[in-house]
Amino acid sequence: MPRLIRSCLSLAVAATALAACATPAPPVPPVPPLPGQTAETTLRDWRGIVTRADRERFDRRDAAWRDALRQARSLSGSGDLASTGALIDPDASIDDVTPPVGNYRCRTVKLGSQGGDEGLGYVVYGWFACRIEDTPNGLKFIKRTGSQRPSGLLFPESDGQMVFLGSMALGTEPGASSYGQALDRDMLGILERIGPARWRLVIPWPTVESKLDLIELVPA
């Protein structure tokens, strides 16, 4: 047998022996559940699902608050903004964010204008019907009435925040698509608790009209 072939075979045998003796890498430990959760109820991390555009909205949420409040306070608007109280305070969130399952009254407050300083600084809408449901994939927020009806899953983020990934149904449409099915309808929001029985869904940089949407929820 030629010397070159014998050398190659020897190297191959040595490499196989080393591979057989190598210690396998330890498995990556799973992400521990948040307080109050079990491994069975922990949702997938929303960061593995969110679109790039919505991730940018999440990262720029502080700028949305700042720009929207500046216009809301300097421009004319529609509705009683003073009645919203803590709803429009960016620092109003408190812990124990997870909302109980059930029916809610909800209203939308739009802050800021995508049309610049020529548009309305705020719009305070009336009350509609919403619901929090427990599904096999986790908690789901559904706005049940009105011409704009978002719905989607709530992902645990921290003791004070849940991340909403959903979509929007308009007009007489039967219901919203799943997140990621229609990019022009996709929505990202941050659910926060702002009182003993009061929550808000903060939607930074919505697709149309405003710079920040707030959906207030109180038990029905």
N, C-alpha and C. Protein backbone atom coordinates (compact mmCIF):
# COMPACT_ATOMS: atom_id res chain seq x y z
N MET A 1 0.86 -1.19 0.00
CA MET A 1 0.00 0.00 0.00
C MET A 1 0.90 1.24 0.00
N PRO A 2 0.62 2.19 -0.87
CA PRO A 2 1.45 3.39 -0.92
C PRO A 2 1.46 4.10 0.42
N ARG A 3 2.63 4.75 0.68
CA ARG A 3 2.81 5.42 1.98
C ARG A 3 1.74 6.50 2.21
N LEU A 4 1.34 7.28 1.16
CA LEU A 4 0.36 8.38 1.32
C LEU A 4 -0.99 7.84 1.76
N ILE A 5 -1.42 6.71 1.15
CA ILE A 5 -2.73 6.14 1.51
C ILE A 5 -2.70 5.65 2.94
N ARG A 6 -1.53 4.96 3.34
CA ARG A 6 -1.44 4.47 4.73
C ARG A 6 -1.51 5.63 5.71
N SER A 7 -0.92 6.77 5.39
CA SER A 7 -0.94 7.94 6.28
C SER A 7 -2.35 8.48 6.43
N CYS A 8 -3.09 8.56 5.31
CA CYS A 8 -4.46 9.09 5.37
C CYS A 8 -5.36 8.18 6.20
N LEU A 9 -5.19 6.84 6.03
CA LEU A 9 -6.01 5.91 6.81
C LEU A 9 -5.71 6.03 8.28
N SER A 10 -4.45 6.22 8.62
CA SER A 10 -4.07 6.35 10.04
C SER A 10 -4.69 7.60 10.65
N LEU A 11 -4.68 8.69 9.90
CA LEU A 11 -5.29 9.93 10.41
C LEU A 11 -6.79 9.77 10.60
N ALA A 12 -7.46 9.07 9.66
CA ALA A 12 -8.91 8.87 9.77
C ALA A 12 -9.25 8.04 10.99
N VAL A 13 -8.47 6.97 11.23
CA VAL A 13 -8.72 6.12 12.41
C VAL A 13 -8.52 6.91 13.69
N ALA A 14 -7.48 7.75 13.74
CA ALA A 14 -7.21 8.55 14.94
C ALA A 14 -8.33 9.54 15.19
N ALA A 15 -8.83 10.17 14.13
CA ALA A 15 -9.91 11.15 14.30
C ALA A 15 -11.17 10.49 14.81
N THR A 16 -11.48 9.28 14.30
CA THR A 16 -12.66 8.55 14.76
C THR A 16 -12.56 8.20 16.23
N ALA A 17 -11.36 7.80 16.65
CA ALA A 17 -11.16 7.44 18.05
C ALA A 17 -11.33 8.64 18.96
N LEU A 18 -10.80 9.80 18.55
CA LEU A 18 -10.95 11.01 19.36
C LEU A 18 -12.40 11.42 19.47
N ALA A 19 -13.14 11.32 18.36
CA ALA A 19 -14.55 11.70 18.38
C ALA A 19 -15.34 10.81 19.32
N ALA A 20 -14.99 9.52 19.35
CA ALA A 20 -15.71 8.59 20.22
C ALA A 20 -15.46 8.87 21.67
N CYS A 21 -14.27 9.40 22.00
CA CYS A 21 -13.92 9.67 23.39
C CYS A 21 -14.35 11.06 23.85
N ALA A 22 -14.74 11.93 22.90
CA ALA A 22 -15.07 13.32 23.27
C ALA A 22 -16.30 13.36 24.15
N THR A 23 -16.30 14.26 25.10
CA THR A 23 -17.44 14.44 26.00
C THR A 23 -18.50 15.28 25.31
N PRO A 24 -19.75 14.81 25.17
CA PRO A 24 -20.77 15.60 24.49
C PRO A 24 -21.07 16.89 25.26
N ALA A 25 -21.44 17.95 24.49
CA ALA A 25 -21.75 19.24 25.11
C ALA A 25 -23.02 19.11 25.95
N PRO A 26 -23.05 19.73 27.12
CA PRO A 26 -24.25 19.65 27.97
C PRO A 26 -25.43 20.33 27.30
N PRO A 27 -26.65 19.83 27.50
CA PRO A 27 -27.82 20.46 26.88
C PRO A 27 -28.05 21.86 27.45
N VAL A 28 -28.61 22.74 26.60
CA VAL A 28 -28.92 24.11 27.04
C VAL A 28 -30.13 24.06 27.96
N PRO A 29 -30.04 24.60 29.18
CA PRO A 29 -31.18 24.54 30.09
C PRO A 29 -32.33 25.39 29.57
N PRO A 30 -33.58 24.98 29.82
CA PRO A 30 -34.73 25.77 29.36
C PRO A 30 -34.85 27.07 30.14
N VAL A 31 -35.51 28.04 29.51
CA VAL A 31 -35.75 29.32 30.20
C VAL A 31 -36.72 29.08 31.34
N PRO A 32 -36.38 29.47 32.58
CA PRO A 32 -37.29 29.21 33.70
C PRO A 32 -38.56 30.03 33.58
N PRO A 33 -39.70 29.48 34.04
CA PRO A 33 -40.96 30.23 33.97
C PRO A 33 -40.95 31.40 34.93
N LEU A 34 -41.80 32.40 34.64
CA LEU A 34 -41.96 33.53 35.53
C LEU A 34 -42.69 33.09 36.79
N PRO A 35 -42.62 33.88 37.87
CA PRO A 35 -43.34 33.52 39.10
C PRO A 35 -44.83 33.30 38.83
N GLY A 36 -45.36 32.22 39.37
CA GLY A 36 -46.77 31.92 39.17
C GLY A 36 -47.05 31.06 37.95
N GLN A 37 -46.04 30.80 37.12
CA GLN A 37 -46.23 29.98 35.94
C GLN A 37 -45.62 28.61 36.15
N THR A 38 -46.07 27.65 35.36
CA THR A 38 -45.48 26.34 35.32
C THR A 38 -44.88 26.13 33.94
N ALA A 39 -44.08 25.09 33.79
CA ALA A 39 -43.47 24.81 32.49
C ALA A 39 -44.54 24.56 31.43
N GLU A 40 -45.70 24.03 31.85
CA GLU A 40 -46.76 23.72 30.89
C GLU A 40 -47.45 24.98 30.39
N THR A 41 -47.49 26.05 31.18
CA THR A 41 -48.24 27.24 30.79
C THR A 41 -47.36 28.35 30.25
N THR A 42 -46.04 28.18 30.28
CA THR A 42 -45.16 29.22 29.78
C THR A 42 -45.24 29.30 28.26
N LEU A 43 -45.51 30.47 27.73
CA LEU A 43 -45.62 30.66 26.29
C LEU A 43 -44.25 30.74 25.65
N ARG A 44 -44.24 30.59 24.34
CA ARG A 44 -43.02 30.84 23.60
C ARG A 44 -42.62 32.30 23.77
N ASP A 45 -41.33 32.56 23.65
CA ASP A 45 -40.84 33.93 23.74
C ASP A 45 -41.33 34.71 22.53
N TRP A 46 -41.97 35.85 22.77
CA TRP A 46 -42.52 36.65 21.67
C TRP A 46 -41.44 37.13 20.71
N ARG A 47 -40.18 37.20 21.19
CA ARG A 47 -39.09 37.67 20.32
C ARG A 47 -38.82 36.73 19.15
N GLY A 48 -39.24 35.48 19.28
CA GLY A 48 -39.07 34.54 18.19
C GLY A 48 -40.19 34.59 17.18
N ILE A 49 -41.22 35.41 17.44
CA ILE A 49 -42.39 35.48 16.58
C ILE A 49 -42.55 36.86 15.95
N VAL A 50 -42.15 37.90 16.67
CA VAL A 50 -42.43 39.28 16.27
C VAL A 50 -41.73 39.61 14.94
N THR A 51 -42.39 40.43 14.13
CA THR A 51 -41.79 40.90 12.88
C THR A 51 -40.75 41.98 13.18
N ARG A 52 -39.89 42.23 12.22
CA ARG A 52 -38.86 43.25 12.41
C ARG A 52 -39.48 44.62 12.65
N ALA A 53 -40.54 44.95 11.90
CA ALA A 53 -41.18 46.26 12.05
C ALA A 53 -41.76 46.43 13.44
N ASP A 54 -42.40 45.39 13.96
CA ASP A 54 -42.99 45.50 15.30
C ASP A 54 -41.92 45.49 16.38
N ARG A 55 -40.81 44.81 16.17
CA ARG A 55 -39.73 44.86 17.14
C ARG A 55 -39.17 46.29 17.22
N GLU A 56 -39.08 46.97 16.08
CA GLU A 56 -38.62 48.35 16.09
C GLU A 56 -39.61 49.25 16.82
N ARG A 57 -40.90 48.98 16.66
CA ARG A 57 -41.91 49.74 17.41
C ARG A 57 -41.72 49.54 18.92
N PHE A 58 -41.48 48.31 19.31
CA PHE A 58 -41.26 48.03 20.74
C PHE A 58 -40.03 48.77 21.25
N ASP A 59 -38.95 48.74 20.50
CA ASP A 59 -37.72 49.39 20.94
C ASP A 59 -37.85 50.91 21.00
N ARG A 60 -38.79 51.47 20.23
CA ARG A 60 -38.95 52.94 20.17
C ARG A 60 -40.21 53.39 20.91
N ARG A 61 -40.68 52.60 21.85
CA ARG A 61 -41.93 52.95 22.54
C ARG A 61 -41.78 54.20 23.40
N ASP A 62 -40.61 54.43 23.99
CA ASP A 62 -40.42 55.65 24.79
C ASP A 62 -40.54 56.90 23.92
N ALA A 63 -40.01 56.84 22.71
CA ALA A 63 -40.13 57.98 21.79
C ALA A 63 -41.58 58.20 21.39
N ALA A 64 -42.35 57.12 21.24
CA ALA A 64 -43.77 57.26 20.92
C ALA A 64 -44.51 57.98 22.04
N TRP A 65 -44.24 57.59 23.28
CA TRP A 65 -44.85 58.29 24.42
C TRP A 65 -44.49 59.78 24.39
N ARG A 66 -43.23 60.08 24.22
CA ARG A 66 -42.76 61.47 24.26
C ARG A 66 -43.41 62.32 23.17
N ASP A 67 -43.37 61.85 21.92
CA ASP A 67 -43.92 62.63 20.82
C ASP A 67 -45.44 62.75 20.91
N ALA A 68 -46.10 61.65 21.30
CA ALA A 68 -47.56 61.67 21.38
C ALA A 68 -48.05 62.61 22.47
N LEU A 69 -47.43 62.57 23.64
CA LEU A 69 -47.86 63.45 24.73
C LEU A 69 -47.59 64.91 24.41
N ARG A 70 -46.49 65.19 23.73
CA ARG A 70 -46.20 66.59 23.36
C ARG A 70 -47.31 67.14 22.48
N GLN A 71 -47.72 66.37 21.48
CA GLN A 71 -48.79 66.84 20.60
C GLN A 71 -50.14 66.86 21.30
N ALA A 72 -50.39 65.87 22.17
CA ALA A 72 -51.67 65.84 22.88
C ALA A 72 -51.85 67.07 23.76
N ARG A 73 -50.74 67.58 24.30
CA ARG A 73 -50.81 68.72 25.21
C ARG A 73 -50.74 70.06 24.49
N SER A 74 -50.33 70.05 23.24
CA SER A 74 -50.16 71.31 22.53
C SER A 74 -51.20 71.54 21.43
N LEU A 75 -51.90 70.48 21.01
CA LEU A 75 -52.87 70.59 19.93
C LEU A 75 -54.28 70.36 20.47
N SER A 76 -55.25 70.82 19.71
CA SER A 76 -56.64 70.55 20.06
C SER A 76 -56.97 69.09 19.78
N GLY A 77 -58.02 68.61 20.45
CA GLY A 77 -58.38 67.21 20.27
C GLY A 77 -59.87 67.00 20.39
N SER A 78 -60.26 65.74 20.50
CA SER A 78 -61.66 65.36 20.60
C SER A 78 -61.86 64.51 21.84
N GLY A 79 -62.79 64.92 22.72
CA GLY A 79 -63.07 64.16 23.93
C GLY A 79 -62.43 64.80 25.15
N ASP A 80 -62.66 64.17 26.30
CA ASP A 80 -62.21 64.70 27.58
C ASP A 80 -60.90 64.01 27.98
N LEU A 81 -59.79 64.60 27.61
CA LEU A 81 -58.49 63.99 27.92
C LEU A 81 -58.21 64.02 29.42
N ALA A 82 -58.70 65.03 30.12
CA ALA A 82 -58.45 65.15 31.55
C ALA A 82 -59.06 63.99 32.34
N SER A 83 -60.10 63.36 31.79
CA SER A 83 -60.77 62.27 32.50
C SER A 83 -59.97 60.98 32.48
N THR A 84 -58.92 60.92 31.68
CA THR A 84 -58.17 59.66 31.53
C THR A 84 -57.22 59.39 32.69
N GLY A 85 -56.80 60.43 33.40
CA GLY A 85 -55.95 60.25 34.58
C GLY A 85 -54.68 59.47 34.30
N ALA A 86 -54.48 58.39 35.09
CA ALA A 86 -53.25 57.61 34.99
C ALA A 86 -53.10 56.92 33.65
N LEU A 87 -54.17 56.83 32.88
CA LEU A 87 -54.09 56.15 31.60
C LEU A 87 -53.02 56.75 30.70
N ILE A 88 -52.83 58.07 30.75
CA ILE A 88 -51.86 58.72 29.87
C ILE A 88 -50.57 59.08 30.60
N ASP A 89 -50.35 58.48 31.76
CA ASP A 89 -49.10 58.67 32.49
C ASP A 89 -48.16 57.53 32.14
N PRO A 90 -47.05 57.80 31.45
CA PRO A 90 -46.16 56.69 31.03
C PRO A 90 -45.55 55.92 32.19
N ASP A 91 -45.54 56.50 33.40
CA ASP A 91 -44.93 55.85 34.55
C ASP A 91 -45.95 55.25 35.52
N ALA A 92 -47.17 55.05 35.06
CA ALA A 92 -48.25 54.63 35.95
C ALA A 92 -48.33 53.12 36.18
N SER A 93 -47.56 52.32 35.48
CA SER A 93 -47.72 50.87 35.57
C SER A 93 -47.28 50.35 36.94
N ILE A 94 -47.95 49.29 37.39
CA ILE A 94 -47.64 48.63 38.65
C ILE A 94 -47.52 47.13 38.38
N ASP A 95 -47.07 46.39 39.42
CA ASP A 95 -46.82 44.96 39.24
C ASP A 95 -48.12 44.15 39.22
N ASP A 96 -47.94 42.82 39.09
CA ASP A 96 -49.06 41.87 39.02
C ASP A 96 -49.95 42.19 37.82
N VAL A 97 -49.34 42.18 36.63
CA VAL A 97 -50.02 42.63 35.44
C VAL A 97 -51.07 41.65 34.92
N THR A 98 -50.93 40.36 35.19
CA THR A 98 -51.79 39.37 34.54
C THR A 98 -53.27 39.63 34.84
N PRO A 99 -54.09 39.87 33.80
CA PRO A 99 -55.50 40.18 34.03
C PRO A 99 -56.31 38.89 34.19
N PRO A 100 -57.36 38.91 35.01
CA PRO A 100 -58.21 37.72 35.12
C PRO A 100 -59.02 37.51 33.85
N VAL A 101 -59.36 36.27 33.60
CA VAL A 101 -60.21 35.94 32.46
C VAL A 101 -61.61 36.50 32.70
N GLY A 102 -62.22 37.03 31.65
CA GLY A 102 -63.58 37.54 31.78
C GLY A 102 -63.86 38.68 30.82
N ASN A 103 -65.03 39.29 31.00
CA ASN A 103 -65.47 40.40 30.16
C ASN A 103 -65.00 41.73 30.72
N TYR A 104 -64.71 42.65 29.82
CA TYR A 104 -64.21 43.97 30.20
C TYR A 104 -64.92 45.05 29.39
N ARG A 105 -64.98 46.24 29.98
CA ARG A 105 -65.29 47.44 29.22
C ARG A 105 -63.96 48.03 28.76
N CYS A 106 -63.92 48.51 27.53
CA CYS A 106 -62.66 49.04 27.02
C CYS A 106 -62.94 50.28 26.17
N ARG A 107 -61.98 51.19 26.19
CA ARG A 107 -62.06 52.37 25.33
C ARG A 107 -60.67 52.69 24.81
N THR A 108 -60.64 53.30 23.63
CA THR A 108 -59.37 53.64 22.99
C THR A 108 -59.13 55.14 23.09
N VAL A 109 -57.91 55.49 23.44
CA VAL A 109 -57.47 56.89 23.44
C VAL A 109 -56.28 56.98 22.50
N LYS A 110 -56.40 57.84 21.49
CA LYS A 110 -55.32 58.04 20.52
C LYS A 110 -54.59 59.33 20.86
N LEU A 111 -53.27 59.25 20.95
CA LEU A 111 -52.44 60.41 21.28
C LEU A 111 -51.49 60.71 20.13
N GLY A 112 -51.33 62.00 19.83
CA GLY A 112 -50.43 62.42 18.77
C GLY A 112 -51.06 62.28 17.40
N SER A 113 -50.37 62.83 16.41
CA SER A 113 -50.89 62.83 15.04
C SER A 113 -49.77 62.51 14.07
N GLN A 114 -50.04 61.56 13.18
CA GLN A 114 -49.08 61.27 12.13
C GLN A 114 -49.10 62.34 11.04
N GLY A 115 -50.09 63.23 11.08
CA GLY A 115 -50.17 64.32 10.13
C GLY A 115 -49.43 65.57 10.58
N GLY A 116 -48.61 65.44 11.61
CA GLY A 116 -47.88 66.60 12.10
C GLY A 116 -48.77 67.47 12.98
N ASP A 117 -48.39 68.73 13.15
CA ASP A 117 -49.12 69.62 14.04
C ASP A 117 -50.41 70.15 13.44
N GLU A 118 -50.78 69.68 12.27
CA GLU A 118 -52.05 70.08 11.66
C GLU A 118 -53.19 69.15 12.07
N GLY A 119 -52.86 68.01 12.62
CA GLY A 119 -53.89 67.05 12.96
C GLY A 119 -54.37 67.20 14.39
N LEU A 120 -55.26 66.29 14.81
CA LEU A 120 -55.75 66.28 16.18
C LEU A 120 -54.68 65.75 17.12
N GLY A 121 -54.54 66.40 18.27
CA GLY A 121 -53.54 65.95 19.24
C GLY A 121 -53.98 64.74 20.02
N TYR A 122 -55.28 64.51 20.12
CA TYR A 122 -55.81 63.35 20.84
C TYR A 122 -57.25 63.10 20.44
N VAL A 123 -57.69 61.87 20.62
CA VAL A 123 -59.09 61.48 20.43
C VAL A 123 -59.43 60.49 21.53
N VAL A 124 -60.46 60.78 22.30
CA VAL A 124 -60.93 59.89 23.36
C VAL A 124 -62.25 59.28 22.91
N TYR A 125 -62.26 57.99 22.70
CA TYR A 125 -63.45 57.29 22.22
C TYR A 125 -64.31 56.81 23.38
N GLY A 126 -65.51 56.36 23.06
CA GLY A 126 -66.41 55.80 24.05
C GLY A 126 -66.05 54.36 24.38
N TRP A 127 -66.91 53.74 25.20
CA TRP A 127 -66.64 52.40 25.72
C TRP A 127 -67.20 51.31 24.81
N PHE A 128 -66.46 50.23 24.69
CA PHE A 128 -66.87 49.07 23.92
C PHE A 128 -66.71 47.82 24.77
N ALA A 129 -66.97 46.66 24.17
CA ALA A 129 -66.88 45.38 24.88
C ALA A 129 -65.60 44.66 24.48
N CYS A 130 -64.85 44.20 25.48
CA CYS A 130 -63.64 43.41 25.26
C CYS A 130 -63.69 42.17 26.14
N ARG A 131 -62.74 41.27 25.92
CA ARG A 131 -62.70 40.05 26.71
C ARG A 131 -61.27 39.53 26.79
N ILE A 132 -60.93 38.95 27.93
CA ILE A 132 -59.69 38.18 28.10
C ILE A 132 -60.08 36.72 28.19
N GLU A 133 -59.51 35.90 27.28
CA GLU A 133 -59.83 34.48 27.25
C GLU A 133 -58.59 33.65 27.54
N ASP A 134 -58.81 32.47 28.13
CA ASP A 134 -57.74 31.52 28.37
C ASP A 134 -57.77 30.49 27.24
N THR A 135 -56.70 30.42 26.46
CA THR A 135 -56.63 29.51 25.31
C THR A 135 -55.49 28.51 25.52
N PRO A 136 -55.42 27.47 24.71
CA PRO A 136 -54.29 26.53 24.83
C PRO A 136 -52.93 27.19 24.62
N ASN A 137 -52.90 28.34 23.96
CA ASN A 137 -51.65 29.06 23.72
C ASN A 137 -51.40 30.18 24.72
N GLY A 138 -52.29 30.34 25.70
CA GLY A 138 -52.12 31.40 26.69
C GLY A 138 -53.28 32.38 26.66
N LEU A 139 -53.14 33.47 27.40
CA LEU A 139 -54.20 34.48 27.46
C LEU A 139 -54.33 35.21 26.13
N LYS A 140 -55.58 35.53 25.78
CA LYS A 140 -55.87 36.22 24.53
C LYS A 140 -56.77 37.41 24.81
N PHE A 141 -56.39 38.57 24.25
CA PHE A 141 -57.20 39.78 24.33
C PHE A 141 -58.03 39.90 23.06
N ILE A 142 -59.33 40.20 23.23
CA ILE A 142 -60.24 40.35 22.10
C ILE A 142 -61.10 41.59 22.33
N LYS A 143 -61.11 42.50 21.37
CA LYS A 143 -62.07 43.61 21.37
C LYS A 143 -63.26 43.15 20.54
N ARG A 144 -64.42 43.09 21.17
CA ARG A 144 -65.56 42.39 20.56
C ARG A 144 -66.48 43.31 19.77
N THR A 145 -66.51 44.59 20.07
CA THR A 145 -67.40 45.51 19.37
C THR A 145 -66.62 46.72 18.87
N GLY A 146 -67.23 47.45 17.94
CA GLY A 146 -66.58 48.63 17.37
C GLY A 146 -66.12 48.36 15.94
N SER A 147 -65.73 49.42 15.24
CA SER A 147 -65.30 49.29 13.85
C SER A 147 -63.85 48.85 13.72
N GLN A 148 -63.07 48.99 14.78
CA GLN A 148 -61.68 48.51 14.81
C GLN A 148 -61.56 47.54 15.98
N ARG A 149 -61.29 46.26 15.66
CA ARG A 149 -61.36 45.21 16.69
C ARG A 149 -60.06 44.39 16.70
N PRO A 150 -59.08 44.80 17.49
CA PRO A 150 -57.86 44.01 17.61
C PRO A 150 -58.07 42.77 18.47
N SER A 151 -57.30 41.75 18.20
CA SER A 151 -57.26 40.57 19.06
C SER A 151 -55.91 39.89 18.88
N GLY A 152 -55.46 39.22 19.94
CA GLY A 152 -54.18 38.54 19.86
C GLY A 152 -53.75 38.00 21.20
N LEU A 153 -52.62 37.31 21.21
CA LEU A 153 -52.11 36.66 22.41
C LEU A 153 -51.30 37.62 23.27
N LEU A 154 -51.29 37.35 24.58
CA LEU A 154 -50.52 38.11 25.55
C LEU A 154 -49.37 37.24 26.06
N PHE A 155 -48.13 37.69 25.84
CA PHE A 155 -46.94 36.93 26.20
C PHE A 155 -46.34 37.49 27.49
N PRO A 156 -46.09 36.67 28.50
CA PRO A 156 -45.45 37.17 29.72
C PRO A 156 -44.08 37.75 29.41
N GLU A 157 -43.83 38.97 29.91
CA GLU A 157 -42.54 39.62 29.73
C GLU A 157 -41.86 39.87 31.07
N SER A 158 -42.61 40.37 32.03
CA SER A 158 -42.10 40.62 33.38
C SER A 158 -43.30 40.68 34.31
N ASP A 159 -43.05 40.94 35.60
CA ASP A 159 -44.16 41.04 36.55
C ASP A 159 -45.03 42.26 36.26
N GLY A 160 -44.49 43.21 35.52
CA GLY A 160 -45.25 44.43 35.24
C GLY A 160 -45.69 44.60 33.81
N GLN A 161 -45.33 43.68 32.91
CA GLN A 161 -45.66 43.85 31.50
C GLN A 161 -45.95 42.50 30.84
N MET A 162 -46.89 42.52 29.90
CA MET A 162 -47.10 41.44 28.96
C MET A 162 -47.04 42.04 27.56
N VAL A 163 -46.54 41.28 26.61
CA VAL A 163 -46.43 41.77 25.23
C VAL A 163 -47.57 41.18 24.41
N PHE A 164 -48.28 42.05 23.73
CA PHE A 164 -49.42 41.67 22.88
C PHE A 164 -48.96 41.59 21.44
N LEU A 165 -49.21 40.46 20.78
CA LEU A 165 -49.01 40.31 19.35
C LEU A 165 -50.35 39.90 18.75
N GLY A 166 -50.91 40.76 17.91
CA GLY A 166 -52.23 40.47 17.38
C GLY A 166 -52.44 41.08 16.02
N SER A 167 -53.70 41.15 15.64
CA SER A 167 -54.08 41.68 14.34
C SER A 167 -55.38 42.44 14.50
N MET A 168 -55.79 43.15 13.43
CA MET A 168 -56.94 44.04 13.48
C MET A 168 -58.01 43.58 12.50
N ALA A 169 -59.26 43.51 12.99
CA ALA A 169 -60.42 43.33 12.12
C ALA A 169 -61.13 44.66 11.97
N LEU A 170 -61.59 44.96 10.77
CA LEU A 170 -62.23 46.25 10.48
C LEU A 170 -63.66 46.04 10.02
N GLY A 171 -64.52 47.02 10.36
CA GLY A 171 -65.89 47.02 9.86
C GLY A 171 -66.65 45.77 10.20
N THR A 172 -67.21 45.14 9.16
CA THR A 172 -68.05 43.95 9.35
C THR A 172 -67.27 42.66 9.16
N GLU A 173 -65.95 42.73 9.12
CA GLU A 173 -65.15 41.50 8.99
C GLU A 173 -65.43 40.58 10.17
N PRO A 174 -65.44 39.26 9.93
CA PRO A 174 -65.82 38.34 11.01
C PRO A 174 -64.83 38.28 12.16
N GLY A 175 -63.56 38.55 11.92
CA GLY A 175 -62.56 38.48 12.98
C GLY A 175 -61.18 38.75 12.43
N ALA A 176 -60.26 39.02 13.33
CA ALA A 176 -58.90 39.34 12.92
C ALA A 176 -58.13 38.08 12.53
N SER A 177 -57.17 38.25 11.62
CA SER A 177 -56.29 37.15 11.25
C SER A 177 -55.30 36.89 12.39
N SER A 178 -54.63 35.76 12.34
CA SER A 178 -53.56 35.49 13.29
C SER A 178 -52.38 36.41 13.00
N TYR A 179 -51.61 36.68 14.02
CA TYR A 179 -50.44 37.54 13.85
C TYR A 179 -49.49 36.95 12.81
N GLY A 180 -49.01 37.82 11.90
CA GLY A 180 -48.10 37.39 10.86
C GLY A 180 -48.77 36.99 9.56
N GLN A 181 -50.11 36.91 9.54
CA GLN A 181 -50.83 36.52 8.34
C GLN A 181 -51.09 37.70 7.40
N ALA A 182 -51.24 38.89 7.97
CA ALA A 182 -51.49 40.10 7.17
C ALA A 182 -50.67 41.23 7.79
N LEU A 183 -49.52 41.53 7.19
CA LEU A 183 -48.58 42.45 7.82
C LEU A 183 -49.17 43.84 8.02
N ASP A 184 -50.07 44.26 7.13
CA ASP A 184 -50.67 45.59 7.28
C ASP A 184 -51.67 45.66 8.43
N ARG A 185 -52.04 44.50 8.98
CA ARG A 185 -52.96 44.46 10.12
C ARG A 185 -52.27 44.06 11.42
N ASP A 186 -51.01 43.64 11.36
CA ASP A 186 -50.31 43.20 12.57
C ASP A 186 -50.21 44.34 13.59
N MET A 187 -50.23 43.95 14.86
CA MET A 187 -50.15 44.92 15.95
C MET A 187 -49.24 44.40 17.05
N LEU A 188 -48.50 45.31 17.64
CA LEU A 188 -47.73 45.01 18.85
C LEU A 188 -48.17 45.97 19.95
N GLY A 189 -48.32 45.46 21.15
CA GLY A 189 -48.68 46.30 22.28
C GLY A 189 -48.04 45.80 23.55
N ILE A 190 -48.09 46.64 24.58
CA ILE A 190 -47.56 46.29 25.90
C ILE A 190 -48.70 46.45 26.90
N LEU A 191 -49.11 45.34 27.52
CA LEU A 191 -50.17 45.38 28.52
C LEU A 191 -49.56 45.73 29.88
N GLU A 192 -50.16 46.71 30.57
CA GLU A 192 -49.73 47.13 31.90
C GLU A 192 -50.94 47.30 32.80
N ARG A 193 -50.73 47.08 34.08
CA ARG A 193 -51.79 47.35 35.07
C ARG A 193 -51.52 48.73 35.67
N ILE A 194 -52.57 49.56 35.74
CA ILE A 194 -52.40 50.93 36.23
C ILE A 194 -53.31 51.23 37.41
N GLY A 195 -53.93 50.21 37.98
CA GLY A 195 -54.80 50.40 39.14
C GLY A 195 -55.23 49.05 39.67
N PRO A 196 -55.99 49.04 40.80
CA PRO A 196 -56.41 47.77 41.38
C PRO A 196 -57.18 46.89 40.40
N ALA A 197 -57.99 47.48 39.53
CA ALA A 197 -58.74 46.72 38.51
C ALA A 197 -58.80 47.56 37.24
N ARG A 198 -57.62 47.94 36.77
CA ARG A 198 -57.54 48.81 35.59
C ARG A 198 -56.25 48.48 34.84
N TRP A 199 -56.38 48.26 33.54
CA TRP A 199 -55.24 47.91 32.69
C TRP A 199 -55.23 48.82 31.47
N ARG A 200 -54.09 48.85 30.81
CA ARG A 200 -54.01 49.55 29.52
C ARG A 200 -53.15 48.74 28.57
N LEU A 201 -53.53 48.74 27.32
CA LEU A 201 -52.74 48.15 26.25
C LEU A 201 -52.11 49.30 25.47
N VAL A 202 -50.79 49.43 25.57
CA VAL A 202 -50.05 50.53 24.94
C VAL A 202 -49.59 50.07 23.57
N ILE A 203 -50.02 50.76 22.52
CA ILE A 203 -49.67 50.40 21.14
C ILE A 203 -48.85 51.53 20.54
N PRO A 204 -47.51 51.39 20.49
CA PRO A 204 -46.67 52.46 19.97
C PRO A 204 -46.61 52.45 18.44
N TRP A 205 -46.63 53.63 17.86
CA TRP A 205 -46.49 53.80 16.41
C TRP A 205 -47.49 52.95 15.63
N PRO A 206 -48.80 53.12 15.87
CA PRO A 206 -49.78 52.37 15.07
C PRO A 206 -49.67 52.73 13.59
N THR A 207 -50.26 51.89 12.76
CA THR A 207 -50.11 52.04 11.32
C THR A 207 -50.69 53.34 10.79
N VAL A 208 -51.80 53.79 11.35
CA VAL A 208 -52.46 55.00 10.84
C VAL A 208 -52.81 55.93 12.00
N GLU A 209 -53.05 57.17 11.66
CA GLU A 209 -53.65 58.23 12.49
C GLU A 209 -52.74 58.76 13.60
N SER A 210 -52.53 57.99 14.65
CA SER A 210 -51.89 58.51 15.86
C SER A 210 -50.45 58.02 15.98
N LYS A 211 -49.78 58.50 17.03
CA LYS A 211 -48.43 58.03 17.35
C LYS A 211 -48.42 57.03 18.51
N LEU A 212 -49.51 57.03 19.29
CA LEU A 212 -49.62 56.09 20.40
C LEU A 212 -51.10 55.84 20.66
N ASP A 213 -51.48 54.58 20.68
CA ASP A 213 -52.85 54.21 21.04
C ASP A 213 -52.84 53.55 22.41
N LEU A 214 -53.85 53.90 23.21
CA LEU A 214 -54.02 53.29 24.52
C LEU A 214 -55.41 52.68 24.59
N ILE A 215 -55.48 51.39 24.89
CA ILE A 215 -56.76 50.74 25.11
C ILE A 215 -56.91 50.47 26.59
N GLU A 216 -57.84 51.16 27.22
CA GLU A 216 -58.09 51.00 28.65
C GLU A 216 -59.06 49.86 28.87
N LEU A 217 -58.78 49.03 29.91
CA LEU A 217 -59.64 47.90 30.24
C LEU A 217 -60.00 47.94 31.72
N VAL A 218 -61.29 47.80 31.99
CA VAL A 218 -61.80 47.64 33.36
C VAL A 218 -62.82 46.51 33.34
N PRO A 219 -62.90 45.70 34.39
CA PRO A 219 -63.86 44.60 34.39
C PRO A 219 -65.27 45.07 34.16
N ALA A 220 -66.02 44.32 33.35
CA ALA A 220 -67.40 44.70 33.04
C ALA A 220 -68.31 44.38 34.23
